[in-house]
Amino acid sequence: MDKRPNTYSRRDFAKLTALGLGSIPLYSFQSGLEHRNFNAADELEVHLFSKHLQFLDYNAMSEAAAQMGFDGLDLTVRPKGHVLPERVTVDLPKAVTAMKAQGLKTKLMSTAVWDISKTSEKTVLETASQLGFTHYRTNWLSYPEDRSLDDSLKLYAKQANALELLNAELNLIGGYQNHAGNHVGAAIWDLDTILKDLKGTHLGCQYDIRHAVVEGAKSWELGLRRIKPYINTIVIKDVKWGLVNGSWELINVPLGEGMVDFKRYFSLLKQYNIQVPVSLHVEYDLGGAERGLNTISMPRQEVLSRITKDLIYLRQAWKDA
């Protein structure tokens, strides 16, 4: 039970917000490591990507996330993030204290970690482990022009093995995000090559349906089937193609307004018995908050209202699938 002295519970807050997002002043409210079996009535465990609240300090960030009804925050622990890697031993405990004070889970973080031969990256993981984090997103990888694609994949597979061993020691689970563009893993088959020789318990995939649809169009379901044994967290967001100044571009949009077929996607996750922590990303216009800016041009209330609307859609879409 939520024992914080709130006038409304998170569930009540979400219901009220659904009735009138624009009319509710948000500021007026007071403040496992494996897939598990579930049934369709179970709710997702949803964490907000803290990038969208980087205009707030740790206390205000945590209070806002709790008021909106999130289970936790996917905390940015990376360059230009909420916690800078060079200050992780000092600032990560502060962020954790603020989150726990609001009843939020301190479980997920997004990092720039991949090569653990670098002391700074190893320190991030060690500190997070000591503070009780269980899941993190790794850094993205690229294909250098001076190395063949196959040689790059072999190198990354070797590094992945070392990272998995450290994760096992620290009781952490790392997830590599499939990201559209010229990144390793944009094509899901890349990740299968890198991860196939691992045990799969401490390093896998943070599956991003938005990027999978962009790269896979109508074949994203095959990629999902291929990578599903490795999925340990998922990212939720939506996108569509649109004309911008005469050129076709990807446009990030609120959930349900883009190309992602959430009903089909969620039905497949249920069919495959995949229910893992969720990171909600809100990357359409939030006055700069969508890009992690420290100063935003949109009223805070409107930013939080738009984020809450996506959260409500997400939870309902899961139930309906």
C-alpha atoms as a PDB file:
ATOM      1  CA  MET A   1       0.000   0.000   0.000  1.00  0.00           C
ATOM      2  CA  ASP A   2       1.194   3.503  -0.808  1.00  0.00           C
ATOM      3  CA  LYS A   3       1.745   5.110   2.607  1.00  0.00           C
ATOM      4  CA  ARG A   4       2.811   8.533   1.338  1.00  0.00           C
ATOM      5  CA  PRO A   5       0.565  11.340   2.624  1.00  0.00           C
ATOM      6  CA  ASN A   6      -1.121  11.941  -0.728  1.00  0.00           C
ATOM      7  CA  THR A   7      -4.656  13.144  -1.028  1.00  0.00           C
ATOM      8  CA  TYR A   8      -5.067  10.785  -3.998  1.00  0.00           C
ATOM      9  CA  SER A   9      -3.531   7.412  -4.778  1.00  0.00           C
ATOM     10  CA  ARG A  10      -1.648   6.985  -8.044  1.00  0.00           C
ATOM     11  CA  ARG A  11      -4.524   4.975  -9.500  1.00  0.00           C
ATOM     12  CA  ASP A  12      -7.050   7.649  -8.480  1.00  0.00           C
ATOM     13  CA  PHE A  13      -4.812  10.320  -9.943  1.00  0.00           C
ATOM     14  CA  ALA A  14      -4.632   8.516 -13.278  1.00  0.00           C
ATOM     15  CA  LYS A  15      -8.420   8.146 -13.383  1.00  0.00           C
ATOM     16  CA  LEU A  16      -8.989  11.800 -12.595  1.00  0.00           C
ATOM     17  CA  THR A  17      -6.414  12.840 -15.158  1.00  0.00           C
ATOM     18  CA  ALA A  18      -8.116  10.711 -17.805  1.00  0.00           C
ATOM     19  CA  LEU A  19     -11.339  12.637 -17.179  1.00  0.00           C
ATOM     20  CA  GLY A  20      -9.793  16.026 -17.743  1.00  0.00           C
ATOM     21  CA  LEU A  21      -6.093  16.302 -18.491  1.00  0.00           C
ATOM     22  CA  GLY A  22      -6.206  19.939 -19.362  1.00  0.00           C
ATOM     23  CA  SER A  23      -8.198  21.034 -16.348  1.00  0.00           C
ATOM     24  CA  ILE A  24      -6.314  19.334 -13.518  1.00  0.00           C
ATOM     25  CA  PRO A  25      -3.404  21.321 -12.070  1.00  0.00           C
ATOM     26  CA  LEU A  26      -0.872  18.593 -11.396  1.00  0.00           C
ATOM     27  CA  TYR A  27       1.013  20.664  -8.884  1.00  0.00           C
ATOM     28  CA  SER A  28      -2.033  20.762  -6.606  1.00  0.00           C
ATOM     29  CA  PHE A  29      -1.694  17.124  -5.572  1.00  0.00           C
ATOM     30  CA  GLN A  30       0.507  16.410  -2.561  1.00  0.00           C
ATOM     31  CA  SER A  31       3.029  14.506  -2.627  1.00  0.00           C
ATOM     32  CA  GLY A  32      13.212  -9.807 -10.245  1.00  0.00           C
ATOM     33  CA  LEU A  33      15.477 -10.616 -12.747  1.00  0.00           C
ATOM     34  CA  GLU A  34      13.464 -13.066 -14.907  1.00  0.00           C
ATOM     35  CA  HIS A  35      10.292 -13.028 -16.952  1.00  0.00           C
ATOM     36  CA  ARG A  36       7.350 -13.978 -14.773  1.00  0.00           C
ATOM     37  CA  ASN A  37       4.084 -15.662 -15.587  1.00  0.00           C
ATOM     38  CA  PHE A  38       1.145 -13.290 -15.713  1.00  0.00           C
ATOM     39  CA  ASN A  39      -2.438 -12.996 -16.880  1.00  0.00           C
ATOM     40  CA  ALA A  40      -4.036 -10.385 -19.091  1.00  0.00           C
ATOM     41  CA  ALA A  41      -5.349  -8.472 -16.102  1.00  0.00           C
ATOM     42  CA  ASP A  42      -1.878  -7.767 -14.730  1.00  0.00           C
ATOM     43  CA  GLU A  43      -0.631  -4.225 -15.109  1.00  0.00           C
ATOM     44  CA  LEU A  44       2.685  -3.309 -16.620  1.00  0.00           C
ATOM     45  CA  GLU A  45       5.467  -1.966 -14.451  1.00  0.00           C
ATOM     46  CA  VAL A  46       6.069   1.404 -16.117  1.00  0.00           C
ATOM     47  CA  HIS A  47       9.054   3.668 -15.515  1.00  0.00           C
ATOM     48  CA  LEU A  48       9.348   7.141 -17.014  1.00  0.00           C
ATOM     49  CA  PHE A  49      12.529   7.902 -18.935  1.00  0.00           C
ATOM     50  CA  SER A  50      13.972  10.635 -16.711  1.00  0.00           C
ATOM     51  CA  LYS A  51      15.391  12.458 -19.740  1.00  0.00           C
ATOM     52  CA  HIS A  52      11.999  14.158 -20.017  1.00  0.00           C
ATOM     53  CA  LEU A  53      12.258  15.598 -16.501  1.00  0.00           C
ATOM     54  CA  GLN A  54      15.808  16.880 -16.642  1.00  0.00           C
ATOM     55  CA  PHE A  55      14.479  20.399 -16.129  1.00  0.00           C
ATOM     56  CA  LEU A  56      13.694  19.291 -12.545  1.00  0.00           C
ATOM     57  CA  ASP A  57      15.987  18.397  -9.659  1.00  0.00           C
ATOM     58  CA  TYR A  58      15.923  14.940  -8.067  1.00  0.00           C
ATOM     59  CA  ASN A  59      13.186  15.763  -5.555  1.00  0.00           C
ATOM     60  CA  ALA A  60      10.877  17.537  -8.005  1.00  0.00           C
ATOM     61  CA  MET A  61      11.513  14.868 -10.655  1.00  0.00           C
ATOM     62  CA  SER A  62      10.553  12.101  -8.249  1.00  0.00           C
ATOM     63  CA  GLU A  63       7.469  13.903  -6.965  1.00  0.00           C
ATOM     64  CA  ALA A  64       6.232  14.557 -10.508  1.00  0.00           C
ATOM     65  CA  ALA A  65       6.746  10.926 -11.587  1.00  0.00           C
ATOM     66  CA  ALA A  66       4.897   9.635  -8.525  1.00  0.00           C
ATOM     67  CA  GLN A  67       2.011  12.058  -9.039  1.00  0.00           C
ATOM     68  CA  MET A  68       1.612  10.950 -12.637  1.00  0.00           C
ATOM     69  CA  GLY A  69       1.305   7.323 -11.541  1.00  0.00           C
ATOM     70  CA  PHE A  70       4.610   5.810 -12.625  1.00  0.00           C
ATOM     71  CA  ASP A  71       6.121   2.851 -10.794  1.00  0.00           C
ATOM     72  CA  GLY A  72       9.607   4.250 -11.087  1.00  0.00           C
ATOM     73  CA  LEU A  73      12.045   6.210 -13.222  1.00  0.00           C
ATOM     74  CA  ASP A  74      14.422   5.020 -15.904  1.00  0.00           C
ATOM     75  CA  LEU A  75      17.172   7.275 -14.613  1.00  0.00           C
ATOM     76  CA  THR A  76      19.673   8.792 -17.051  1.00  0.00           C
ATOM     77  CA  VAL A  77      23.139   8.006 -15.668  1.00  0.00           C
ATOM     78  CA  ARG A  78      25.255   9.160 -18.565  1.00  0.00           C
ATOM     79  CA  PRO A  79      26.877  12.262 -20.075  1.00  0.00           C
ATOM     80  CA  LYS A  80      24.330  15.129 -20.017  1.00  0.00           C
ATOM     81  CA  GLY A  81      22.025  12.960 -17.899  1.00  0.00           C
ATOM     82  CA  HIS A  82      20.429  13.422 -14.497  1.00  0.00           C
ATOM     83  CA  VAL A  83      23.500  11.760 -12.998  1.00  0.00           C
ATOM     84  CA  LEU A  84      26.863  12.399 -14.624  1.00  0.00           C
ATOM     85  CA  PRO A  85      29.173   9.349 -14.714  1.00  0.00           C
ATOM     86  CA  GLU A  86      32.041  11.270 -13.121  1.00  0.00           C
ATOM     87  CA  ARG A  87      29.760  12.110 -10.166  1.00  0.00           C
ATOM     88  CA  VAL A  88      27.965   8.784  -9.906  1.00  0.00           C
ATOM     89  CA  THR A  89      29.256   7.879  -6.424  1.00  0.00           C
ATOM     90  CA  VAL A  90      28.035  11.227  -5.066  1.00  0.00           C
ATOM     91  CA  ASP A  91      24.867  11.981  -7.031  1.00  0.00           C
ATOM     92  CA  LEU A  92      23.311   8.579  -7.661  1.00  0.00           C
ATOM     93  CA  PRO A  93      22.665   8.034  -3.920  1.00  0.00           C
ATOM     94  CA  LYS A  94      20.962  11.450  -3.835  1.00  0.00           C
ATOM     95  CA  ALA A  95      18.695  10.531  -6.729  1.00  0.00           C
ATOM     96  CA  VAL A  96      17.842   7.185  -5.112  1.00  0.00           C
ATOM     97  CA  THR A  97      16.951   8.868  -1.817  1.00  0.00           C
ATOM     98  CA  ALA A  98      14.622  11.285  -3.630  1.00  0.00           C
ATOM     99  CA  MET A  99      12.936   8.489  -5.586  1.00  0.00           C
ATOM    100  CA  LYS A 100      12.419   6.261  -2.557  1.00  0.00           C
ATOM    101  CA  ALA A 101      10.909   9.176  -0.633  1.00  0.00           C
ATOM    102  CA  GLN A 102       8.117   9.184  -3.227  1.00  0.00           C
ATOM    103  CA  GLY A 103       7.654   5.414  -3.217  1.00  0.00           C
ATOM    104  CA  LEU A 104       9.276   4.954  -6.635  1.00  0.00           C
ATOM    105  CA  LYS A 105      11.222   1.863  -7.617  1.00  0.00           C
ATOM    106  CA  THR A 106      14.937   2.412  -8.135  1.00  0.00           C
ATOM    107  CA  LYS A 107      15.346  -0.279 -10.723  1.00  0.00           C
ATOM    108  CA  LEU A 108      16.134   1.073 -14.210  1.00  0.00           C
ATOM    109  CA  MET A 109      18.799   3.375 -15.561  1.00  0.00           C
ATOM    110  CA  SER A 110      20.077   4.376 -19.001  1.00  0.00           C
ATOM    111  CA  THR A 111      23.845   4.524 -19.316  1.00  0.00           C
ATOM    112  CA  ALA A 112      26.738   4.910 -21.734  1.00  0.00           C
ATOM    113  CA  VAL A 113      28.317   1.678 -20.456  1.00  0.00           C
ATOM    114  CA  TRP A 114      29.651  -1.010 -22.750  1.00  0.00           C
ATOM    115  CA  ASP A 115      33.428  -1.341 -22.497  1.00  0.00           C
ATOM    116  CA  ILE A 116      34.185  -2.346 -18.908  1.00  0.00           C
ATOM    117  CA  SER A 117      37.924  -2.004 -19.461  1.00  0.00           C
ATOM    118  CA  LYS A 118      37.153   1.675 -18.750  1.00  0.00           C
ATOM    119  CA  THR A 119      37.199   2.289 -15.008  1.00  0.00           C
ATOM    120  CA  SER A 120      34.554   5.025 -15.222  1.00  0.00           C
ATOM    121  CA  GLU A 121      32.029   2.666 -16.803  1.00  0.00           C
ATOM    122  CA  LYS A 122      32.732  -0.075 -14.303  1.00  0.00           C
ATOM    123  CA  THR A 123      32.236   2.387 -11.438  1.00  0.00           C
ATOM    124  CA  VAL A 124      28.772   3.286 -12.749  1.00  0.00           C
ATOM    125  CA  LEU A 125      27.698  -0.354 -12.585  1.00  0.00           C
ATOM    126  CA  GLU A 126      29.285  -1.026  -9.201  1.00  0.00           C
ATOM    127  CA  THR A 127      27.605   2.011  -7.665  1.00  0.00           C
ATOM    128  CA  ALA A 128      24.221   1.154  -9.173  1.00  0.00           C
ATOM    129  CA  SER A 129      24.464  -2.405  -7.909  1.00  0.00           C
ATOM    130  CA  GLN A 130      25.236  -1.247  -4.375  1.00  0.00           C
ATOM    131  CA  LEU A 131      22.149   0.987  -4.485  1.00  0.00           C
ATOM    132  CA  GLY A 132      19.814  -1.790  -5.614  1.00  0.00           C
ATOM    133  CA  PHE A 133      19.372  -1.133  -9.337  1.00  0.00           C
ATOM    134  CA  THR A 134      18.695  -4.276 -11.345  1.00  0.00           C
ATOM    135  CA  HIS A 135      18.368  -3.226 -15.013  1.00  0.00           C
ATOM    136  CA  TYR A 136      20.240  -0.795 -17.229  1.00  0.00           C
ATOM    137  CA  ARG A 137      20.503   0.170 -20.858  1.00  0.00           C
ATOM    138  CA  THR A 138      23.970  -0.032 -22.387  1.00  0.00           C
ATOM    139  CA  ASN A 139      25.643   2.387 -24.745  1.00  0.00           C
ATOM    140  CA  TRP A 140      24.970   2.242 -28.482  1.00  0.00           C
ATOM    141  CA  LEU A 141      27.540   0.813 -30.870  1.00  0.00           C
ATOM    142  CA  SER A 142      28.529   1.789 -34.406  1.00  0.00           C
ATOM    143  CA  TYR A 143      30.243   0.248 -37.395  1.00  0.00           C
ATOM    144  CA  PRO A 144      33.613   1.994 -38.007  1.00  0.00           C
ATOM    145  CA  GLU A 145      34.491   2.527 -41.656  1.00  0.00           C
ATOM    146  CA  ASP A 146      37.977   1.059 -41.157  1.00  0.00           C
ATOM    147  CA  ARG A 147      36.680  -2.294 -39.925  1.00  0.00           C
ATOM    148  CA  SER A 148      34.453  -4.839 -41.648  1.00  0.00           C
ATOM    149  CA  LEU A 149      30.961  -5.418 -40.317  1.00  0.00           C
ATOM    150  CA  ASP A 150      31.819  -9.002 -39.388  1.00  0.00           C
ATOM    151  CA  ASP A 151      34.960  -7.961 -37.520  1.00  0.00           C
ATOM    152  CA  SER A 152      32.979  -5.348 -35.608  1.00  0.00           C
ATOM    153  CA  LEU A 153      30.379  -7.912 -34.590  1.00  0.00           C
ATOM    154  CA  LYS A 154      33.115 -10.279 -33.391  1.00  0.00           C
ATOM    155  CA  LEU A 155      34.660  -7.531 -31.267  1.00  0.00           C
ATOM    156  CA  TYR A 156      31.313  -6.528 -29.780  1.00  0.00           C
ATOM    157  CA  ALA A 157      30.458 -10.139 -29.019  1.00  0.00           C
ATOM    158  CA  LYS A 158      33.727 -10.446 -27.082  1.00  0.00           C
ATOM    159  CA  GLN A 159      33.002  -7.256 -25.152  1.00  0.00           C
ATOM    160  CA  ALA A 160      29.454  -8.457 -24.497  1.00  0.00           C
ATOM    161  CA  ASN A 161      30.821 -11.622 -22.910  1.00  0.00           C
ATOM    162  CA  ALA A 162      33.006  -9.602 -20.522  1.00  0.00           C
ATOM    163  CA  LEU A 163      30.094  -7.305 -19.690  1.00  0.00           C
ATOM    164  CA  GLU A 164      27.784 -10.225 -18.964  1.00  0.00           C
ATOM    165  CA  LEU A 165      30.320 -11.721 -16.550  1.00  0.00           C
ATOM    166  CA  LEU A 166      30.574  -8.444 -14.631  1.00  0.00           C
ATOM    167  CA  ASN A 167      26.790  -8.074 -14.606  1.00  0.00           C
ATOM    168  CA  ALA A 168      26.492 -11.529 -13.080  1.00  0.00           C
ATOM    169  CA  GLU A 169      28.928 -10.564 -10.319  1.00  0.00           C
ATOM    170  CA  LEU A 170      26.956  -7.390  -9.610  1.00  0.00           C
ATOM    171  CA  ASN A 171      23.511  -8.977 -10.013  1.00  0.00           C
ATOM    172  CA  LEU A 172      22.646  -6.584 -12.828  1.00  0.00           C
ATOM    173  CA  ILE A 173      20.881  -7.055 -16.159  1.00  0.00           C
ATOM    174  CA  GLY A 174      22.069  -5.044 -19.140  1.00  0.00           C
ATOM    175  CA  GLY A 175      19.969  -4.407 -22.228  1.00  0.00           C
ATOM    176  CA  TYR A 176      21.162  -3.184 -25.615  1.00  0.00           C
ATOM    177  CA  GLN A 177      18.539  -1.038 -27.342  1.00  0.00           C
ATOM    178  CA  ASN A 178      17.711  -1.677 -30.982  1.00  0.00           C
ATOM    179  CA  HIS A 179      17.907   1.870 -32.369  1.00  0.00           C
ATOM    180  CA  ALA A 180      16.971   2.839 -35.935  1.00  0.00           C
ATOM    181  CA  GLY A 181      19.651   4.286 -38.178  1.00  0.00           C
ATOM    182  CA  ASN A 182      23.292   3.368 -38.701  1.00  0.00           C
ATOM    183  CA  HIS A 183      23.619   1.771 -35.302  1.00  0.00           C
ATOM    184  CA  VAL A 184      24.586  -1.772 -34.453  1.00  0.00           C
ATOM    185  CA  GLY A 185      21.297  -3.476 -33.671  1.00  0.00           C
ATOM    186  CA  ALA A 186      19.113  -1.367 -35.937  1.00  0.00           C
ATOM    187  CA  ALA A 187      18.733  -4.676 -37.726  1.00  0.00           C
ATOM    188  CA  ILE A 188      17.717  -7.102 -34.978  1.00  0.00           C
ATOM    189  CA  TRP A 189      19.834  -9.824 -36.540  1.00  0.00           C
ATOM    190  CA  ASP A 190      22.961  -7.921 -35.426  1.00  0.00           C
ATOM    191  CA  LEU A 191      21.991  -8.405 -31.810  1.00  0.00           C
ATOM    192  CA  ASP A 192      21.346 -12.087 -32.295  1.00  0.00           C
ATOM    193  CA  THR A 193      24.918 -12.418 -33.573  1.00  0.00           C
ATOM    194  CA  ILE A 194      26.357 -10.526 -30.594  1.00  0.00           C
ATOM    195  CA  LEU A 195      24.240 -12.179 -27.918  1.00  0.00           C
ATOM    196  CA  LYS A 196      23.813 -15.746 -29.170  1.00  0.00           C
ATOM    197  CA  ASP A 197      26.795 -17.195 -27.259  1.00  0.00           C
ATOM    198  CA  LEU A 198      25.857 -15.579 -23.946  1.00  0.00           C
ATOM    199  CA  LYS A 199      23.884 -17.206 -21.174  1.00  0.00           C
ATOM    200  CA  GLY A 200      21.237 -14.545 -21.686  1.00  0.00           C
ATOM    201  CA  THR A 201      20.476 -13.952 -18.013  1.00  0.00           C
ATOM    202  CA  HIS A 202      22.547 -10.826 -17.395  1.00  0.00           C
ATOM    203  CA  LEU A 203      22.863  -9.218 -20.812  1.00  0.00           C
ATOM    204  CA  GLY A 204      20.239  -9.037 -23.507  1.00  0.00           C
ATOM    205  CA  CYS A 205      18.031  -6.610 -25.371  1.00  0.00           C
ATOM    206  CA  GLN A 206      16.050  -3.543 -24.406  1.00  0.00           C
ATOM    207  CA  TYR A 207      13.461  -3.922 -27.138  1.00  0.00           C
ATOM    208  CA  ASP A 208      12.183  -0.691 -28.684  1.00  0.00           C
ATOM    209  CA  ILE A 209       9.043  -1.213 -30.789  1.00  0.00           C
ATOM    210  CA  ARG A 210       9.211   2.294 -32.285  1.00  0.00           C
ATOM    211  CA  HIS A 211      12.640   1.685 -33.771  1.00  0.00           C
ATOM    212  CA  ALA A 212      11.716  -1.876 -34.757  1.00  0.00           C
ATOM    213  CA  VAL A 213       8.756  -0.614 -36.795  1.00  0.00           C
ATOM    214  CA  VAL A 214      10.859   2.096 -38.450  1.00  0.00           C
ATOM    215  CA  GLU A 215      13.484  -0.436 -39.552  1.00  0.00           C
ATOM    216  CA  GLY A 216      11.256  -3.487 -40.008  1.00  0.00           C
ATOM    217  CA  ALA A 217       8.057  -1.959 -41.430  1.00  0.00           C
ATOM    218  CA  LYS A 218       5.801  -4.994 -41.721  1.00  0.00           C
ATOM    219  CA  SER A 219       8.521  -7.522 -40.827  1.00  0.00           C
ATOM    220  CA  TRP A 220       9.088  -6.329 -37.247  1.00  0.00           C
ATOM    221  CA  GLU A 221       7.229  -9.392 -35.957  1.00  0.00           C
ATOM    222  CA  LEU A 222       9.984 -11.640 -37.333  1.00  0.00           C
ATOM    223  CA  GLY A 223      12.612  -9.586 -35.536  1.00  0.00           C
ATOM    224  CA  LEU A 224      10.611  -9.847 -32.330  1.00  0.00           C
ATOM    225  CA  ARG A 225      10.450 -13.629 -32.664  1.00  0.00           C
ATOM    226  CA  ARG A 226      14.202 -13.715 -33.209  1.00  0.00           C
ATOM    227  CA  ILE A 227      15.155 -11.540 -30.239  1.00  0.00           C
ATOM    228  CA  LYS A 228      12.443 -12.519 -27.748  1.00  0.00           C
ATOM    229  CA  PRO A 229      14.655 -14.876 -25.666  1.00  0.00           C
ATOM    230  CA  TYR A 230      16.944 -11.913 -24.907  1.00  0.00           C
ATOM    231  CA  ILE A 231      14.361  -9.207 -24.095  1.00  0.00           C
ATOM    232  CA  ASN A 232      14.717  -7.964 -20.506  1.00  0.00           C
ATOM    233  CA  THR A 233      13.192  -4.470 -20.747  1.00  0.00           C
ATOM    234  CA  ILE A 234      11.068  -2.698 -23.341  1.00  0.00           C
ATOM    235  CA  VAL A 235      10.771   0.895 -24.531  1.00  0.00           C
ATOM    236  CA  ILE A 236       7.407   2.343 -25.531  1.00  0.00           C
ATOM    237  CA  LYS A 237       6.920   5.246 -27.966  1.00  0.00           C
ATOM    238  CA  ASP A 238       5.196   5.931 -31.291  1.00  0.00           C
ATOM    239  CA  VAL A 239       6.137   7.466 -34.650  1.00  0.00           C
ATOM    240  CA  LYS A 240       4.846   8.137 -38.148  1.00  0.00           C
ATOM    241  CA  TRP A 241       6.186   9.317 -41.494  1.00  0.00           C
ATOM    242  CA  GLY A 242       5.225  12.832 -42.557  1.00  0.00           C
ATOM    243  CA  LEU A 243       6.133  15.574 -44.981  1.00  0.00           C
ATOM    244  CA  VAL A 244       8.223  18.315 -43.418  1.00  0.00           C
ATOM    245  CA  ASN A 245       9.138  21.172 -45.745  1.00  0.00           C
ATOM    246  CA  GLY A 246       8.680  18.861 -48.717  1.00  0.00           C
ATOM    247  CA  SER A 247      10.800  16.007 -47.337  1.00  0.00           C
ATOM    248  CA  TRP A 248       9.639  12.761 -45.755  1.00  0.00           C
ATOM    249  CA  GLU A 249      10.743  12.553 -42.144  1.00  0.00           C
ATOM    250  CA  LEU A 250      10.016  10.514 -39.047  1.00  0.00           C
ATOM    251  CA  ILE A 251       7.726  12.401 -36.673  1.00  0.00           C
ATOM    252  CA  ASN A 252       7.401  11.303 -33.054  1.00  0.00           C
ATOM    253  CA  VAL A 253       3.772  11.366 -31.907  1.00  0.00           C
ATOM    254  CA  PRO A 254       1.658  10.522 -28.833  1.00  0.00           C
ATOM    255  CA  LEU A 255       0.919   6.834 -28.308  1.00  0.00           C
ATOM    256  CA  GLY A 256      -1.809   5.563 -30.608  1.00  0.00           C
ATOM    257  CA  GLU A 257      -1.325   8.271 -33.234  1.00  0.00           C
ATOM    258  CA  GLY A 258       1.481   6.628 -35.174  1.00  0.00           C
ATOM    259  CA  MET A 259       2.460   3.456 -37.006  1.00  0.00           C
ATOM    260  CA  VAL A 260       2.966   1.169 -34.017  1.00  0.00           C
ATOM    261  CA  ASP A 261       0.188  -1.416 -33.754  1.00  0.00           C
ATOM    262  CA  PHE A 262       0.118  -1.646 -29.975  1.00  0.00           C
ATOM    263  CA  LYS A 263      -2.754  -4.119 -29.914  1.00  0.00           C
ATOM    264  CA  ARG A 264      -0.824  -6.585 -32.057  1.00  0.00           C
ATOM    265  CA  TYR A 265       2.458  -5.911 -30.266  1.00  0.00           C
ATOM    266  CA  PHE A 266       1.040  -6.363 -26.783  1.00  0.00           C
ATOM    267  CA  SER A 267      -0.855  -9.477 -27.833  1.00  0.00           C
ATOM    268  CA  LEU A 268       2.446 -10.982 -29.000  1.00  0.00           C
ATOM    269  CA  LEU A 269       4.187 -10.066 -25.742  1.00  0.00           C
ATOM    270  CA  LYS A 270       1.415 -11.852 -23.866  1.00  0.00           C
ATOM    271  CA  GLN A 271       1.603 -14.819 -26.214  1.00  0.00           C
ATOM    272  CA  TYR A 272       5.370 -15.055 -25.677  1.00  0.00           C
ATOM    273  CA  ASN A 273       4.916 -14.609 -21.914  1.00  0.00           C
ATOM    274  CA  ILE A 274       7.107 -11.516 -21.864  1.00  0.00           C
ATOM    275  CA  GLN A 275       6.343  -9.047 -19.106  1.00  0.00           C
ATOM    276  CA  VAL A 276       9.382  -7.021 -18.166  1.00  0.00           C
ATOM    277  CA  PRO A 277       9.968  -3.480 -16.878  1.00  0.00           C
ATOM    278  CA  VAL A 278       8.788  -0.794 -19.296  1.00  0.00           C
ATOM    279  CA  SER A 279      10.479   2.529 -20.022  1.00  0.00           C
ATOM    280  CA  LEU A 280       8.060   5.117 -21.426  1.00  0.00           C
ATOM    281  CA  HIS A 281       9.661   7.648 -23.761  1.00  0.00           C
ATOM    282  CA  VAL A 282       7.774  10.801 -24.765  1.00  0.00           C
ATOM    283  CA  GLU A 283       9.676  12.277 -27.682  1.00  0.00           C
ATOM    284  CA  TYR A 284       7.153  14.546 -29.386  1.00  0.00           C
ATOM    285  CA  ASP A 285       6.908  18.247 -28.510  1.00  0.00           C
ATOM    286  CA  LEU A 286       7.290  18.897 -24.788  1.00  0.00           C
ATOM    287  CA  GLY A 287       8.849  22.314 -25.108  1.00  0.00           C
ATOM    288  CA  GLY A 288      12.335  20.830 -25.108  1.00  0.00           C
ATOM    289  CA  ALA A 289      11.731  18.262 -22.346  1.00  0.00           C
ATOM    290  CA  GLU A 290      11.475  15.589 -25.032  1.00  0.00           C
ATOM    291  CA  ARG A 291      15.167  16.300 -25.746  1.00  0.00           C
ATOM    292  CA  GLY A 292      16.278  16.458 -22.139  1.00  0.00           C
ATOM    293  CA  LEU A 293      16.788  20.211 -22.013  1.00  0.00           C
ATOM    294  CA  ASN A 294      17.327  21.837 -18.642  1.00  0.00           C
ATOM    295  CA  THR A 295      15.195  24.849 -19.613  1.00  0.00           C
ATOM    296  CA  ILE A 296      11.843  24.299 -21.331  1.00  0.00           C
ATOM    297  CA  SER A 297       9.479  26.577 -23.258  1.00  0.00           C
ATOM    298  CA  MET A 298       6.247  24.823 -22.257  1.00  0.00           C
ATOM    299  CA  PRO A 299       4.478  25.174 -18.887  1.00  0.00           C
ATOM    300  CA  ARG A 300       5.418  22.366 -16.532  1.00  0.00           C
ATOM    301  CA  GLN A 301       1.748  21.439 -16.092  1.00  0.00           C
ATOM    302  CA  GLU A 302       1.319  20.887 -19.823  1.00  0.00           C
ATOM    303  CA  VAL A 303       4.462  18.738 -20.028  1.00  0.00           C
ATOM    304  CA  LEU A 304       3.256  16.493 -17.212  1.00  0.00           C
ATOM    305  CA  SER A 305      -0.265  16.326 -18.650  1.00  0.00           C
ATOM    306  CA  ARG A 306       1.019  15.100 -22.017  1.00  0.00           C
ATOM    307  CA  ILE A 307       3.223  12.485 -20.368  1.00  0.00           C
ATOM    308  CA  THR A 308       0.322  11.314 -18.192  1.00  0.00           C
ATOM    309  CA  LYS A 309      -1.918  10.956 -21.232  1.00  0.00           C
ATOM    310  CA  ASP A 310       0.597   8.545 -22.782  1.00  0.00           C
ATOM    311  CA  LEU A 311       0.804   6.569 -19.542  1.00  0.00           C
ATOM    312  CA  ILE A 312      -2.969   6.194 -19.418  1.00  0.00           C
ATOM    313  CA  TYR A 313      -3.055   5.068 -23.064  1.00  0.00           C
ATOM    314  CA  LEU A 314      -0.276   2.560 -22.439  1.00  0.00           C
ATOM    315  CA  ARG A 315      -1.950   0.908 -19.465  1.00  0.00           C
ATOM    316  CA  GLN A 316      -5.313   0.714 -21.241  1.00  0.00           C
ATOM    317  CA  ALA A 317      -3.805  -0.645 -24.461  1.00  0.00           C
ATOM    318  CA  TRP A 318      -2.102  -3.398 -22.472  1.00  0.00           C
ATOM    319  CA  LYS A 319      -5.371  -4.396 -20.837  1.00  0.00           C
ATOM    320  CA  ASP A 320      -7.223  -4.350 -24.166  1.00  0.00           C
ATOM    321  CA  ALA A 321      -4.687  -6.446 -26.083  1.00  0.00           C
END
